[in-house]
Protein backbone atom coordinates (compact mmCIF):
# COMPACT_ATOMS: atom_id res chain seq x y z
CA MET A 1 350.11 213.49 262.55
CA ALA A 2 350.99 217.21 261.11
CA THR A 3 347.69 217.80 259.20
CA ALA A 4 346.45 219.96 262.16
CA ALA A 5 348.99 222.71 261.63
CA VAL A 6 348.77 222.75 257.66
CA ALA A 7 345.36 222.86 256.30
CA GLY A 8 345.00 219.43 253.64
CA LEU A 9 348.31 218.31 254.55
CA GLU A 10 348.71 214.39 254.65
CA VAL A 11 351.73 212.95 255.69
CA ARG A 12 352.73 209.69 254.37
CA ALA A 13 355.86 209.75 255.97
CA ALA A 14 358.76 211.43 258.13
CA ARG A 15 362.46 211.26 259.40
CA ALA A 16 364.41 212.64 262.02
CA HIS A 17 365.91 216.02 260.81
CA THR A 18 369.08 217.10 262.63
CA ARG A 19 372.24 219.71 261.92
CA ASP A 20 374.51 219.50 265.35
CA ALA A 21 372.66 222.41 266.27
CA GLY A 22 373.61 222.01 270.28
CA GLY A 23 370.06 220.03 270.80
CA ALA A 24 368.11 223.57 270.94
CA PHE A 25 365.54 221.84 268.19
CA ASP A 26 363.46 218.79 267.75
CA ALA A 27 362.94 218.46 263.72
CA VAL A 28 361.29 216.11 261.37
CA GLU A 29 361.27 216.31 257.66
CA LEU A 30 358.03 215.37 256.36
CA HIS A 31 356.42 213.90 252.72
CA SER A 32 353.19 214.32 252.10
CA THR A 33 351.16 212.44 249.25
CA ASP A 34 350.65 215.38 246.68
CA GLY A 35 354.68 214.87 247.24
CA ARG A 36 355.65 218.10 248.97
CA ARG A 37 358.75 218.10 251.68
CA LEU A 38 358.46 220.21 254.66
CA LEU A 39 359.90 220.61 258.17
CA ILE A 40 358.46 220.98 261.06
CA ARG A 41 360.41 222.25 263.99
CA ALA A 42 360.22 222.78 267.73
CA PRO A 43 362.65 224.69 270.04
CA ARG A 44 363.64 222.94 272.92
CA THR A 45 364.64 226.31 275.18
CA GLN A 46 362.92 229.78 275.69
CA THR A 47 366.17 231.12 273.79
CA ALA A 48 365.28 228.76 270.81
CA GLU A 49 361.97 229.71 271.13
CA SER A 50 362.67 233.41 271.14
CA GLU A 51 364.98 232.92 268.10
CA GLN A 52 361.73 231.02 266.15
CA SER A 53 359.87 233.99 266.93
CA ALA A 54 362.37 236.45 265.38
CA ASP A 55 363.07 234.26 262.29
CA LEU A 56 359.12 234.05 261.62
CA VAL A 57 358.73 237.99 261.97
CA ALA A 58 361.70 238.05 259.47
CA LEU A 59 360.31 235.59 257.10
CA ARG A 60 356.71 237.26 256.74
CA ALA A 61 358.99 240.16 256.24
CA LEU A 62 360.36 238.74 253.27
CA THR A 63 357.50 238.91 251.09
CA LEU A 64 356.78 237.04 247.44
CA GLY A 65 358.24 240.42 245.80
CA ILE A 66 360.87 240.73 247.85
CA ARG A 67 361.89 236.70 247.72
CA SER A 68 361.74 236.87 243.92
CA ARG A 69 364.68 239.31 243.66
CA LEU A 70 366.45 236.75 245.45
CA PRO A 71 368.84 233.74 242.94
CA PHE A 72 368.23 231.22 246.01
CA ALA A 73 365.10 229.97 248.27
CA VAL A 74 364.01 230.78 251.64
CA PRO A 75 361.90 228.79 253.64
CA GLU A 76 358.25 229.68 253.67
CA PHE A 77 355.80 229.08 256.74
CA LEU A 78 352.97 227.27 256.20
CA GLY A 79 351.47 226.76 259.78
CA GLN A 80 352.02 226.29 263.27
CA ALA A 81 350.47 224.29 266.30
CA PRO A 82 351.30 224.25 270.04
CA ILE A 83 353.33 221.48 271.14
CA GLY A 84 353.56 221.07 275.16
CA PRO A 85 354.74 224.32 277.01
CA THR A 86 355.73 225.32 272.97
CA ARG A 87 354.95 225.59 269.55
CA ALA A 88 355.95 223.22 266.62
CA VAL A 89 356.59 225.79 263.12
CA VAL A 90 356.15 223.71 259.45
CA THR A 91 357.69 225.37 256.75
CA GLU A 92 358.59 224.47 252.84
CA PHE A 93 361.41 222.13 253.02
CA ILE A 94 364.43 223.61 251.07
CA PRO A 95 367.02 220.98 249.53
CA GLY A 96 370.67 221.29 249.64
CA ALA A 97 374.14 220.19 251.50
CA VAL A 98 375.52 222.05 254.82
CA ARG A 99 379.20 222.48 254.50
CA SER A 100 381.95 223.71 256.07
CA ALA A 101 383.58 227.19 255.43
CA ASP A 102 386.45 225.95 254.13
CA GLU A 103 384.44 223.57 251.91
CA LEU A 104 382.34 226.23 250.89
CA THR A 105 385.38 228.64 249.71
CA ALA A 106 387.23 225.59 248.62
CA ASN A 107 385.47 225.83 244.66
CA PRO A 108 385.84 228.85 242.78
CA ALA A 109 382.31 228.95 241.15
CA LEU A 110 380.64 227.86 244.35
CA ALA A 111 382.54 230.52 246.18
CA ALA A 112 381.45 232.67 243.48
CA ASP A 113 377.92 231.92 243.71
CA ILE A 114 378.26 232.46 247.09
CA GLY A 115 379.25 235.97 246.63
CA ARG A 116 376.60 236.82 244.36
CA ALA A 117 374.01 235.36 247.01
CA ILE A 118 375.42 237.78 249.60
CA ALA A 119 375.31 240.83 247.42
CA ALA A 120 371.86 239.85 246.39
CA ILE A 121 370.67 240.14 249.92
CA HIS A 122 372.61 243.34 250.48
CA SER A 123 371.08 244.86 247.21
CA LEU A 124 367.60 244.23 248.44
CA PRO A 125 365.12 247.76 249.24
CA PRO A 126 365.75 248.35 252.59
CA GLY A 127 362.36 250.03 252.73
CA PHE A 128 360.49 247.10 253.87
CA ILE A 129 362.75 246.55 256.81
CA GLY A 130 361.34 249.78 258.79
CA ASP A 131 357.75 248.57 257.66
CA ALA A 132 358.34 245.25 259.39
CA GLY A 133 359.71 247.17 262.45
CA LEU A 134 362.72 245.27 262.06
CA PRO A 135 366.46 247.06 263.66
CA ARG A 136 367.78 249.85 261.91
CA ARG A 137 371.41 251.18 262.46
CA THR A 138 373.31 253.57 260.81
CA ALA A 139 377.18 253.43 260.53
CA ALA A 140 377.52 255.75 263.69
CA GLU A 141 375.27 252.95 265.70
CA VAL A 142 377.65 250.00 264.22
CA ARG A 143 380.34 251.54 265.41
CA GLU A 144 379.30 252.63 268.53
CA SER A 145 378.19 249.08 269.30
CA ALA A 146 381.77 247.54 268.28
CA VAL A 147 383.00 250.19 270.86
CA ALA A 148 380.53 248.95 273.53
CA VAL A 149 381.90 245.26 272.98
CA ILE A 150 385.50 246.12 273.57
CA ASP A 151 384.33 247.97 276.57
CA ARG A 152 382.10 245.45 278.29
CA ALA A 153 385.42 243.02 277.30
CA ALA A 154 388.02 245.23 279.12
CA ASP A 155 386.29 245.49 281.65
CA THR A 156 386.37 242.14 282.58
CA ASN A 157 389.91 242.34 282.94
CA ARG A 158 390.46 239.50 281.19
CA LEU A 159 391.07 241.44 277.48
CA PRO A 160 394.55 241.74 276.67
CA ALA A 161 395.58 245.60 276.94
CA ALA A 162 397.33 244.87 273.18
CA LEU A 163 393.69 244.04 271.69
CA VAL A 164 392.18 247.24 273.66
CA ARG A 165 394.19 249.26 271.85
CA ARG A 166 394.21 247.44 268.58
CA TRP A 167 390.49 247.19 268.61
CA GLU A 168 390.42 250.75 269.85
CA GLU A 169 391.95 252.40 267.26
CA ALA A 170 390.33 250.44 264.59
CA THR A 171 387.03 252.31 265.98
CA ASP A 172 388.88 255.31 266.32
CA ASP A 173 389.35 255.13 262.31
CA ASP A 174 386.68 257.35 260.71
CA THR A 175 387.38 255.62 257.07
CA LEU A 176 386.76 252.36 258.37
CA TRP A 177 383.23 253.36 259.39
CA ARG A 178 382.27 255.17 256.39
CA PHE A 179 379.47 253.01 254.83
CA ALA A 180 375.89 252.88 253.62
CA PRO A 181 374.12 250.25 255.90
CA THR A 182 372.29 247.89 253.85
CA VAL A 183 369.65 244.56 254.04
CA VAL A 184 372.00 241.95 255.95
CA ASN A 185 370.84 238.43 257.08
CA GLY A 186 372.74 239.40 260.25
CA GLN A 187 373.79 235.99 261.09
CA LEU A 188 374.83 234.86 258.17
CA GLY A 189 377.44 232.06 258.72
CA ALA A 190 378.74 228.71 256.49
CA GLU A 191 375.73 226.60 258.38
CA SER A 192 373.11 229.29 256.80
CA LEU A 193 374.09 228.05 253.50
CA LEU A 194 372.37 225.41 251.45
CA VAL A 195 374.26 224.26 248.32
CA GLU A 196 374.07 221.87 245.87
CA GLY A 197 377.18 221.27 243.07
CA ASP A 198 378.16 224.70 242.14
CA HIS A 199 375.38 226.72 243.25
CA VAL A 200 373.46 227.84 246.55
CA THR A 201 369.91 226.55 246.65
CA GLY A 202 368.82 228.25 249.87
CA ILE A 203 369.47 230.26 252.57
CA VAL A 204 368.27 229.66 256.40
CA GLY A 205 368.10 231.47 259.68
CA TRP A 206 366.98 235.27 259.09
CA ALA A 207 366.34 235.97 263.13
CA ALA A 208 368.71 238.46 262.74
CA LEU A 209 367.32 240.23 259.52
CA ALA A 210 367.82 244.17 259.49
CA GLN A 211 369.45 246.80 257.72
CA ASP A 212 373.04 246.90 259.45
CA ASP A 213 376.60 247.07 258.05
CA PRO A 214 376.92 244.64 255.27
CA ALA A 215 380.57 243.33 256.54
CA ARG A 216 378.67 241.21 259.39
CA ASP A 217 377.51 238.91 256.42
CA LEU A 218 380.91 238.75 255.03
CA HIS A 219 383.68 238.07 257.89
CA TRP A 220 382.92 234.11 258.10
CA ILE A 221 384.19 234.18 254.12
CA LEU A 222 387.51 236.42 254.90
CA THR A 223 388.53 234.37 257.91
CA SER A 224 388.02 231.03 256.14
CA THR A 225 391.03 229.24 254.45
CA GLY A 226 389.42 228.01 251.15
CA ALA A 227 391.49 228.20 248.50
CA ALA A 228 388.70 230.76 246.58
CA ALA A 229 387.92 232.61 249.35
CA GLU A 230 389.05 235.92 247.46
CA GLU A 231 386.61 234.59 244.67
CA ALA A 232 383.82 234.63 246.68
CA LEU A 233 384.35 238.20 247.57
CA ALA A 234 385.61 239.33 244.32
CA ALA A 235 382.18 238.03 243.09
CA TYR A 236 380.48 240.14 245.78
CA VAL A 237 382.02 243.40 244.89
CA SER A 238 381.61 242.59 241.51
CA ALA A 239 377.79 241.88 242.02
CA ARG A 240 377.13 244.69 244.06
CA SER A 241 378.38 247.47 241.35
CA GLY A 242 379.80 249.99 242.81
CA GLY A 243 377.98 249.33 246.14
CA ALA A 244 380.20 248.25 248.11
CA ASP A 245 382.57 250.45 250.65
CA ALA A 246 386.52 250.50 250.38
CA GLU A 247 386.89 249.31 254.09
CA LEU A 248 384.55 246.47 254.23
CA ALA A 249 387.05 244.08 254.21
CA ARG A 250 389.03 245.60 257.08
CA ARG A 251 385.86 246.25 258.99
CA ALA A 252 384.48 242.49 258.24
CA LEU A 253 387.64 241.19 259.74
CA LEU A 254 387.52 243.22 262.79
CA HIS A 255 384.41 241.82 263.19
CA ALA A 256 385.71 238.56 263.21
CA GLU A 257 388.14 239.45 265.67
CA LEU A 258 385.34 241.03 268.10
CA GLU A 259 383.71 237.28 267.92
CA LEU A 260 386.41 236.17 270.27
CA ALA A 261 385.34 239.44 273.02
CA ARG A 262 381.53 238.13 272.19
CA TRP A 263 382.56 234.83 273.48
CA LEU A 264 384.18 235.67 276.25
CA LEU A 265 381.53 237.78 277.49
CA HIS A 266 378.81 234.83 276.74
CA GLY A 267 380.97 232.87 279.05
CA ILE A 268 380.76 235.55 281.54
CA ASP A 269 376.81 236.19 281.42
CA THR A 270 376.37 232.12 281.60
CA ARG A 271 378.97 231.87 284.35
CA ASP A 272 380.66 229.17 282.18
CA ASP A 273 384.40 228.77 283.20
CA ALA A 274 384.77 226.15 280.30
CA VAL A 275 383.87 228.86 277.71
CA ILE A 276 385.57 231.82 279.39
CA ASP A 277 388.85 229.87 279.70
CA ASP A 278 388.58 228.61 275.86
CA ALA A 279 388.13 232.72 275.11
CA VAL A 280 390.94 233.93 277.22
CA GLY A 281 393.30 231.19 275.57
CA LEU A 282 392.06 232.64 271.63
CA LEU A 283 392.35 236.05 272.58
CA ASP A 284 395.84 235.31 274.32
CA GLY A 285 397.08 233.37 271.03
CA LEU A 286 395.70 236.62 268.94
CA VAL A 287 397.96 238.85 271.02
CA ALA A 288 400.82 236.70 269.97
CA SER A 289 400.01 236.49 266.47
CA VAL A 290 399.93 239.72 266.28
CA HIS A 291 403.13 241.03 267.78
CA GLU A 292 404.62 237.60 265.74
CA GLN A 293 403.34 238.25 262.00
CA SER A 294 403.33 240.66 259.14
CA SER A 295 399.68 240.47 257.92
CA GLU A 296 397.08 243.40 256.63
CA PRO A 297 396.13 245.98 259.32
CA LEU A 298 392.81 246.81 260.38
CA THR A 299 394.26 250.34 260.32
CA SER A 300 397.30 251.87 259.04
CA ASP A 301 398.40 252.19 262.32
CA THR A 302 397.58 248.72 263.85
CA GLY A 303 399.13 245.31 264.01
CA PRO A 304 398.11 242.58 261.61
CA ILE A 305 395.03 240.44 261.72
CA LEU A 306 394.66 237.14 263.08
CA ALA A 307 393.46 234.71 260.49
CA VAL A 308 391.54 231.94 261.96
CA ALA A 309 394.02 229.32 260.64
CA GLU A 310 396.42 230.85 263.02
CA VAL A 311 394.08 230.76 265.90
CA GLU A 312 393.69 226.87 264.81
CA ARG A 313 397.60 226.56 264.74
CA LEU A 314 397.95 227.79 268.07
CA LEU A 315 395.60 226.01 269.68
CA ASP A 316 397.00 222.92 268.30
CA GLU A 317 400.10 223.61 269.50
CA THR A 318 398.54 224.44 273.38
CA PRO A 319 396.25 221.86 273.62
CA ARG A 320 393.27 222.23 276.85
CA ASP A 321 390.94 220.28 278.10
CA VAL A 322 388.05 220.85 276.65
CA VAL A 323 385.13 219.91 274.00
CA ALA A 324 385.61 219.31 270.44
CA ARG A 325 383.34 221.56 268.71
CA ASP A 326 381.96 221.11 264.54
CA ALA A 327 385.14 221.91 262.03
CA GLY A 328 382.51 223.59 259.66
CA SER A 329 381.90 226.77 262.36
CA THR A 330 383.11 229.77 261.48
CA MET A 331 386.03 230.13 264.46
CA LEU A 332 387.88 227.31 264.88
CA THR A 333 388.27 227.08 268.49
CA ASP A 334 388.08 223.92 270.66
CA SER A 335 384.68 224.64 272.43
CA TYR A 336 383.29 227.82 270.40
CA ASP A 337 379.82 227.13 269.74
CA VAL A 338 378.63 228.93 266.80
CA GLU A 339 374.60 228.34 267.62
CA GLU A 340 374.94 228.75 271.35
CA LEU A 341 376.32 232.18 270.80
CA ARG A 342 374.63 232.89 268.13
CA ARG A 343 371.09 232.36 270.20
CA HIS A 344 372.77 234.59 273.05
CA LEU A 345 373.40 237.53 270.97
CA ASP A 346 370.00 237.34 269.45
CA ALA A 347 368.28 237.70 272.88
CA ASP A 348 370.45 240.57 273.20
CA ARG A 349 369.73 242.51 270.34
CA ALA A 350 366.14 241.61 271.15
CA ASP A 351 366.38 243.76 274.37
CA ASP A 352 368.16 246.55 272.94
CA VAL A 353 365.97 247.68 270.01
CA ASP A 354 362.51 248.97 270.32
CA ALA A 355 359.79 248.27 267.45
CA PRO A 356 358.42 251.33 266.38
CA THR A 357 354.52 252.04 267.29
CA GLY A 358 352.57 250.09 264.99
CA SER A 359 355.04 247.46 263.97
CA PRO A 360 353.30 244.34 263.21
CA PRO A 361 353.51 241.84 266.78
CA MET A 362 355.94 239.24 267.06
CA ASP A 363 353.49 236.45 266.40
CA ALA A 364 350.80 237.06 264.25
CA THR A 365 349.43 233.72 263.60
CA ALA A 366 347.53 231.86 265.98
CA PRO A 367 348.41 228.67 266.77
CA ILE A 368 345.83 225.61 266.03
CA PRO A 369 346.19 222.11 267.44
CA LEU A 370 348.58 219.04 266.73
CA ASP A 371 349.34 216.07 267.75
CA LEU A 372 352.86 214.84 267.11
CA SER A 373 352.88 211.63 268.98
CA ASP A 374 352.80 209.60 265.48
CA TRP A 375 355.24 211.12 262.99
CA GLY A 376 355.70 208.96 260.08
CA ASP A 377 357.73 205.91 259.70
CA ALA A 378 361.17 206.44 258.62
CA SER A 379 364.25 206.66 260.91
CA PRO A 380 366.56 208.85 261.11
CA PRO A 381 368.93 208.23 257.64
CA ALA A 382 372.22 206.61 257.98
CA ASN A 383 374.17 209.46 256.54
CA GLY A 384 372.93 211.96 259.32
CA ALA A 385 370.60 214.33 257.45
CA ARG A 386 371.27 218.01 258.68
CA ASP A 387 368.47 219.88 260.18
CA ARG A 388 368.34 223.20 257.94
CA THR A 389 366.64 226.17 260.01
CA ALA A 390 363.80 227.45 258.81
């Protein structure tokens, strides 16, 4: 039972709780005798454990005062306990469904609420980020990071020269990088949002919480195919009350295109030929679209931005023998795994960031014993309940 992890907890039932996260976590929804619903999660890999540790640091930084400024719930840490070589973490359960990006941006009312929810994150006072020892990046550092991704991808000799020129022109455009960094979730995507009806009930997955480019949290909206995607952006801009910079949308779309380069680099770093082939095929499709289409450019001198719907069309026309993936992810390639790439990038960020002297340790909560051999009697729900990342 989980009573050892949370003082006074009495569990009356439990059921498996998954969200198609690639098997990175084992999760169980718990029902207590006093009516509470909790979530207990144990990582299956070292990378997932590192992500969980970063998430705990972020959740502790999001104090009650900070959370009171947000119009949605954030997971509340309740306790942890060892399980084999790792640990299980217990949080409050946040109700709500997980939808694909296209589903989230299909309904104008829901899309607008999503825009306001993201704006609330970006409007938080940034002081707590530094106090918690979390990353703080200037506009210049964000630009340098984009340049580094482009350079690394170009060095693989698998990146088409046309894309190198296109992206370098964008990073050379000073107007694109005149923005004020804000508090960002840092890894926000459709899978981060829990919704009920037309409202966002919660946002989960805070491992990349930082002061950074607000466009990072928006690129998945601007590349979705939902008819109300513009409603989300309009609501966001309105809620920011003049705080959104004029080049936000262009920069968000650049971040979206650079996801392809990051996917290529992930394949190379992990020596996964299937991922490499998928990324190369998608990059080739991007080049073709740049040459064939006329759309909004990244700068006044570059070609059109590739919409994700166009990527999907190109892939449908040129099928490859790779594993199909969940349609709810941001980039609709054949094998692109958002969760896998995210954990890889989060590990890289952790290696690159030096916390200020005196910042809190990554895990300040001491573990206590937990017997997980008897996790209730409920079987997994018939509709395949999804794992909400704590």
